[in-house]
Amino acid sequence: MSMRAVLEVIALDVEDAVAAQAGGADRLELVTDMAADGLTPSARTVAGIRAAVDIPPRVMLRLADGFGAGGARGLDRLVGVAGELRAAGVEEFVLGFLDPRGGVDLAAVERVVGELDGCRWTFHRAIDRAADRDALRKRLDGLPGLDTYLTAGAASGVDDGLPTLIAEAARGGEPGYEQQIMVGGGLRLDHVAALLAEGIDAFHIGGAARPGGWDGPVSVAAVAEWRAVLDGAAVRQPAG
């Protein structure tokens, strides 16, 4: 029996989402404004994508560039947006906030998560900018719905972060390390085999799904190539 690795693709609009699904993606991350590293898309865009595809979308909860929650006013706005999306039927989310010293802004995270009614969510690459990754994980441990960390292992990308990713994968099951590691950020196809060999089985692509760059759409062929590589390198489990 083989375990299918998870492939998540960034989608900016319905065209992206349809192409990602056609190429074999398992999940979408819905954002807008990649110049700001991905912000919350409009409710209209989210609704259109949910109507167009069958694979689950995770919607970014982030209203401004950077990894802060935007102060009291910004946090109030974000909580309102989270509540509106949840009321509209969105069931999966992406979020993450740091304080000015690089620690997790637990109060902001808890307040937003409180609007999600137990929905599953990803703590995004803010972890790669954290002053202490281990401390961040342990402070978030036990928050309802947290099932994934999206990380490159380093702010600069997977090339530099590989040792951290491998070390964290080896700690799977420890307090703060129960969540799935989803690798993204400078991820290339040639990283896949080594990551799968260490038990990492979730992968996130954005620019790699767009041969024409961020001004172009997701390519079915590019996503299909990732799907084929992941399936071909999938870790095989012993029978019985």
Protein backbone atom coordinates (compact mmCIF):
# COMPACT_ATOMS: atom_id res chain seq x y z
CA MET A 1 0.00 0.00 0.00
CA SER A 2 1.30 3.49 -0.75
CA MET A 3 0.56 6.68 1.13
CA ARG A 4 -0.41 9.53 -1.20
CA ALA A 5 1.54 12.68 -0.45
CA VAL A 6 -0.53 15.86 -0.11
CA LEU A 7 -0.07 18.53 -2.78
CA GLU A 8 -1.40 22.01 -1.98
CA VAL A 9 -1.41 24.74 -4.65
CA ILE A 10 -1.87 28.48 -4.21
CA ALA A 11 -4.91 29.76 -6.11
CA LEU A 12 -5.71 33.40 -6.74
CA ASP A 13 -8.92 32.88 -8.67
CA VAL A 14 -11.31 30.32 -10.14
CA GLU A 15 -9.09 29.67 -13.18
CA ASP A 16 -6.18 28.77 -10.89
CA ALA A 17 -8.34 26.52 -8.75
CA VAL A 18 -9.77 24.59 -11.70
CA ALA A 19 -6.29 24.09 -13.18
CA ALA A 20 -4.85 22.96 -9.85
CA GLN A 21 -7.59 20.37 -9.41
CA ALA A 22 -7.18 19.15 -13.00
CA GLY A 23 -3.46 18.70 -12.42
CA GLY A 24 -3.97 16.56 -9.34
CA ALA A 25 -3.76 18.94 -6.39
CA ASP A 26 -5.30 17.71 -3.15
CA ARG A 27 -5.92 21.11 -1.60
CA LEU A 28 -5.80 24.83 -2.33
CA GLU A 29 -4.51 27.81 -0.42
CA LEU A 30 -6.64 30.82 -1.37
CA VAL A 31 -4.94 34.22 -1.28
CA THR A 32 -4.73 37.51 -3.08
CA ASP A 33 -1.88 40.02 -3.57
CA MET A 34 1.24 37.90 -3.74
CA ALA A 35 3.28 41.09 -3.77
CA ALA A 36 2.43 41.15 -0.05
CA ASP A 37 3.11 37.39 0.27
CA GLY A 38 -0.60 36.53 0.21
CA LEU A 39 -3.54 38.28 1.83
CA THR A 40 -7.17 37.32 2.45
CA PRO A 41 -9.09 37.07 -0.81
CA SER A 42 -12.54 38.56 -1.29
CA ALA A 43 -15.59 36.62 -0.14
CA ARG A 44 -16.78 36.64 -3.76
CA THR A 45 -13.56 34.96 -4.95
CA VAL A 46 -13.77 32.37 -2.19
CA ALA A 47 -17.39 31.58 -3.04
CA GLY A 48 -16.59 31.23 -6.74
CA ILE A 49 -13.73 28.84 -6.10
CA ARG A 50 -15.73 26.73 -3.66
CA ALA A 51 -18.46 26.39 -6.29
CA ALA A 52 -16.00 25.50 -9.07
CA VAL A 53 -13.91 22.70 -7.51
CA ASP A 54 -14.28 19.71 -5.24
CA ILE A 55 -10.92 19.82 -3.46
CA PRO A 56 -10.85 21.69 -0.14
CA PRO A 57 -9.62 25.30 0.02
CA ARG A 58 -7.77 26.80 2.97
CA VAL A 59 -8.36 30.55 3.10
CA MET A 60 -5.62 32.93 4.22
CA LEU A 61 -6.47 35.17 7.19
CA ARG A 62 -4.04 38.06 6.76
CA LEU A 63 -4.95 41.64 5.91
CA ALA A 64 -1.56 43.36 5.59
CA ASP A 65 2.02 42.57 4.66
CA GLY A 66 4.20 41.30 7.49
CA PHE A 67 3.50 38.86 10.28
CA GLY A 68 1.87 41.10 12.88
CA ALA A 69 -1.85 41.09 13.59
CA GLY A 70 -2.12 44.80 12.78
CA GLY A 71 -2.70 46.12 16.27
CA ALA A 72 -6.07 46.23 18.02
CA ARG A 73 -7.90 47.74 15.05
CA GLY A 74 -6.36 45.35 12.55
CA LEU A 75 -7.12 42.38 14.76
CA ASP A 76 -10.73 43.49 15.15
CA ARG A 77 -11.05 43.63 11.34
CA LEU A 78 -9.45 40.23 10.94
CA VAL A 79 -11.71 38.63 13.51
CA GLY A 80 -14.69 40.09 11.67
CA VAL A 81 -13.48 38.70 8.33
CA ALA A 82 -12.87 35.28 9.89
CA GLY A 83 -16.39 35.25 11.29
CA GLU A 84 -17.89 36.24 7.94
CA LEU A 85 -15.98 33.54 6.07
CA ARG A 86 -16.93 30.93 8.63
CA ALA A 87 -20.59 31.98 8.41
CA ALA A 88 -20.36 31.61 4.61
CA GLY A 89 -19.33 27.99 5.05
CA VAL A 90 -15.53 28.11 4.81
CA GLU A 91 -14.14 25.21 6.83
CA GLU A 92 -10.33 25.47 6.56
CA PHE A 93 -7.98 28.41 7.14
CA VAL A 94 -4.37 29.62 7.17
CA LEU A 95 -3.02 32.13 9.71
CA GLY A 96 -0.12 33.04 11.94
CA PHE A 97 1.05 36.11 13.89
CA LEU A 98 4.31 37.13 15.55
CA ASP A 99 4.99 39.83 18.10
CA PRO A 100 7.71 42.48 17.53
CA ARG A 101 10.32 40.27 19.22
CA GLY A 102 9.66 37.31 16.94
CA GLY A 103 7.61 35.29 19.39
CA VAL A 104 4.18 33.96 18.55
CA ASP A 105 1.42 36.52 19.25
CA LEU A 106 -0.63 33.96 21.12
CA ALA A 107 -3.38 36.38 22.11
CA ALA A 108 -4.01 37.31 18.46
CA VAL A 109 -3.90 33.70 17.29
CA GLU A 110 -6.28 32.58 20.03
CA ARG A 111 -8.73 35.37 19.28
CA VAL A 112 -8.89 34.55 15.56
CA VAL A 113 -9.05 30.80 16.20
CA GLY A 114 -11.93 31.45 18.55
CA GLU A 115 -13.97 32.59 15.53
CA LEU A 116 -13.26 29.39 13.59
CA ASP A 117 -15.47 27.07 15.63
CA GLY A 118 -12.93 24.25 15.69
CA CYS A 119 -12.15 24.36 11.95
CA ARG A 120 -8.84 22.97 10.77
CA TRP A 121 -6.09 25.49 10.10
CA THR A 122 -2.45 25.88 9.11
CA PHE A 123 0.10 28.03 10.92
CA HIS A 124 1.92 29.53 7.95
CA ARG A 125 5.50 30.56 7.27
CA ALA A 126 5.57 33.04 10.11
CA ILE A 127 7.24 30.12 11.88
CA ASP A 128 10.23 30.62 9.59
CA ARG A 129 10.64 34.17 10.95
CA ALA A 130 10.20 33.16 14.59
CA ALA A 131 12.98 33.82 17.09
CA ASP A 132 12.49 30.33 18.56
CA ARG A 133 10.62 27.74 16.49
CA ASP A 134 10.45 25.20 19.28
CA ALA A 135 9.00 27.72 21.73
CA LEU A 136 6.42 28.79 19.14
CA ARG A 137 5.29 25.21 18.57
CA LYS A 138 4.99 24.52 22.26
CA ARG A 139 2.98 27.67 22.94
CA LEU A 140 0.54 26.76 20.17
CA ASP A 141 0.26 23.15 21.32
CA GLY A 142 -3.33 22.19 22.02
CA LEU A 143 -5.03 25.00 20.11
CA PRO A 144 -8.21 23.64 18.51
CA GLY A 145 -7.99 22.90 14.80
CA LEU A 146 -4.25 23.38 14.31
CA ASP A 147 -3.18 20.44 12.14
CA THR A 148 -0.43 21.79 9.86
CA TYR A 149 2.72 23.92 9.84
CA LEU A 150 3.61 25.42 6.46
CA THR A 151 7.37 25.89 6.57
CA ALA A 152 10.55 25.95 4.55
CA GLY A 153 12.63 25.37 7.66
CA ALA A 154 14.27 28.77 7.15
CA ALA A 155 13.20 32.25 6.10
CA SER A 156 15.44 31.99 3.04
CA GLY A 157 13.82 28.78 1.77
CA VAL A 158 14.09 25.01 1.66
CA ASP A 159 17.74 24.87 0.53
CA ASP A 160 18.80 26.38 3.86
CA GLY A 161 15.97 24.87 5.87
CA LEU A 162 16.41 21.18 5.03
CA PRO A 163 18.27 20.27 8.24
CA THR A 164 15.57 21.95 10.35
CA LEU A 165 12.76 20.23 8.44
CA ILE A 166 14.40 16.84 8.88
CA ALA A 167 15.04 17.44 12.58
CA GLU A 168 11.45 18.51 13.20
CA ALA A 169 10.07 15.55 11.26
CA ALA A 170 12.08 13.26 13.53
CA ARG A 171 10.26 14.76 16.54
CA GLY A 172 6.80 13.95 15.18
CA GLY A 173 4.42 13.00 17.97
CA GLU A 174 6.18 15.01 20.68
CA PRO A 175 4.24 17.86 22.34
CA GLY A 176 4.14 20.67 19.80
CA TYR A 177 5.16 18.35 16.97
CA GLU A 178 1.97 16.37 16.36
CA GLN A 179 0.96 18.52 13.39
CA GLN A 180 1.72 17.70 9.77
CA ILE A 181 4.72 19.45 8.24
CA MET A 182 3.82 20.94 4.86
CA VAL A 183 6.94 22.10 3.05
CA GLY A 184 6.77 25.25 0.96
CA GLY A 185 8.98 28.21 0.16
CA GLY A 186 11.68 27.72 -2.45
CA LEU A 187 10.57 24.10 -2.82
CA ARG A 188 11.80 22.30 -5.93
CA LEU A 189 11.11 18.89 -7.40
CA ASP A 190 14.64 17.75 -6.55
CA HIS A 191 13.90 18.23 -2.84
CA VAL A 192 11.00 15.78 -2.86
CA ALA A 193 12.69 12.40 -2.55
CA ALA A 194 14.86 13.41 0.41
CA LEU A 195 11.89 14.94 2.25
CA LEU A 196 9.67 11.93 1.68
CA ALA A 197 12.46 9.67 2.90
CA GLU A 198 12.33 11.52 6.22
CA GLY A 199 8.59 11.00 6.55
CA ILE A 200 7.48 14.42 5.30
CA ASP A 201 4.43 13.92 3.11
CA ALA A 202 2.88 17.32 2.39
CA PHE A 203 4.06 19.86 -0.16
CA HIS A 204 2.96 23.41 -1.04
CA ILE A 205 3.67 25.17 -4.33
CA GLY A 206 2.91 28.62 -5.67
CA GLY A 207 5.33 29.95 -8.26
CA ALA A 208 6.33 26.40 -9.19
CA ALA A 209 2.80 25.89 -10.54
CA ARG A 210 3.09 28.98 -12.78
CA PRO A 211 5.69 28.73 -15.56
CA GLY A 212 4.79 32.27 -16.61
CA GLY A 213 5.33 33.74 -13.15
CA TRP A 214 2.76 35.27 -10.83
CA ASP A 215 1.25 37.29 -13.67
CA GLY A 216 0.24 34.02 -15.35
CA PRO A 217 -2.22 31.32 -14.31
CA VAL A 218 -1.63 27.97 -12.67
CA SER A 219 -0.55 25.41 -15.26
CA VAL A 220 -2.31 22.04 -15.33
CA ALA A 221 0.86 20.49 -16.75
CA ALA A 222 3.09 21.93 -14.02
CA VAL A 223 0.81 20.67 -11.26
CA ALA A 224 0.55 17.29 -12.97
CA GLU A 225 4.35 17.03 -13.05
CA TRP A 226 4.47 17.59 -9.28
CA ARG A 227 1.70 15.05 -8.80
CA ALA A 228 3.59 12.47 -10.86
CA VAL A 229 6.83 13.03 -8.96
CA LEU A 230 5.10 12.83 -5.58
CA ASP A 231 3.25 9.67 -6.56
CA GLY A 232 6.35 8.10 -8.02
CA ALA A 233 8.39 8.84 -4.92
CA ALA A 234 5.59 8.05 -2.44
CA VAL A 235 6.76 6.18 0.63
CA ARG A 236 5.54 2.60 0.45
CA GLN A 237 4.21 1.05 3.64
CA PRO A 238 4.65 -2.65 4.37
CA ALA A 239 1.57 -4.81 3.87
CA GLY A 240 -0.31 -5.94 6.95
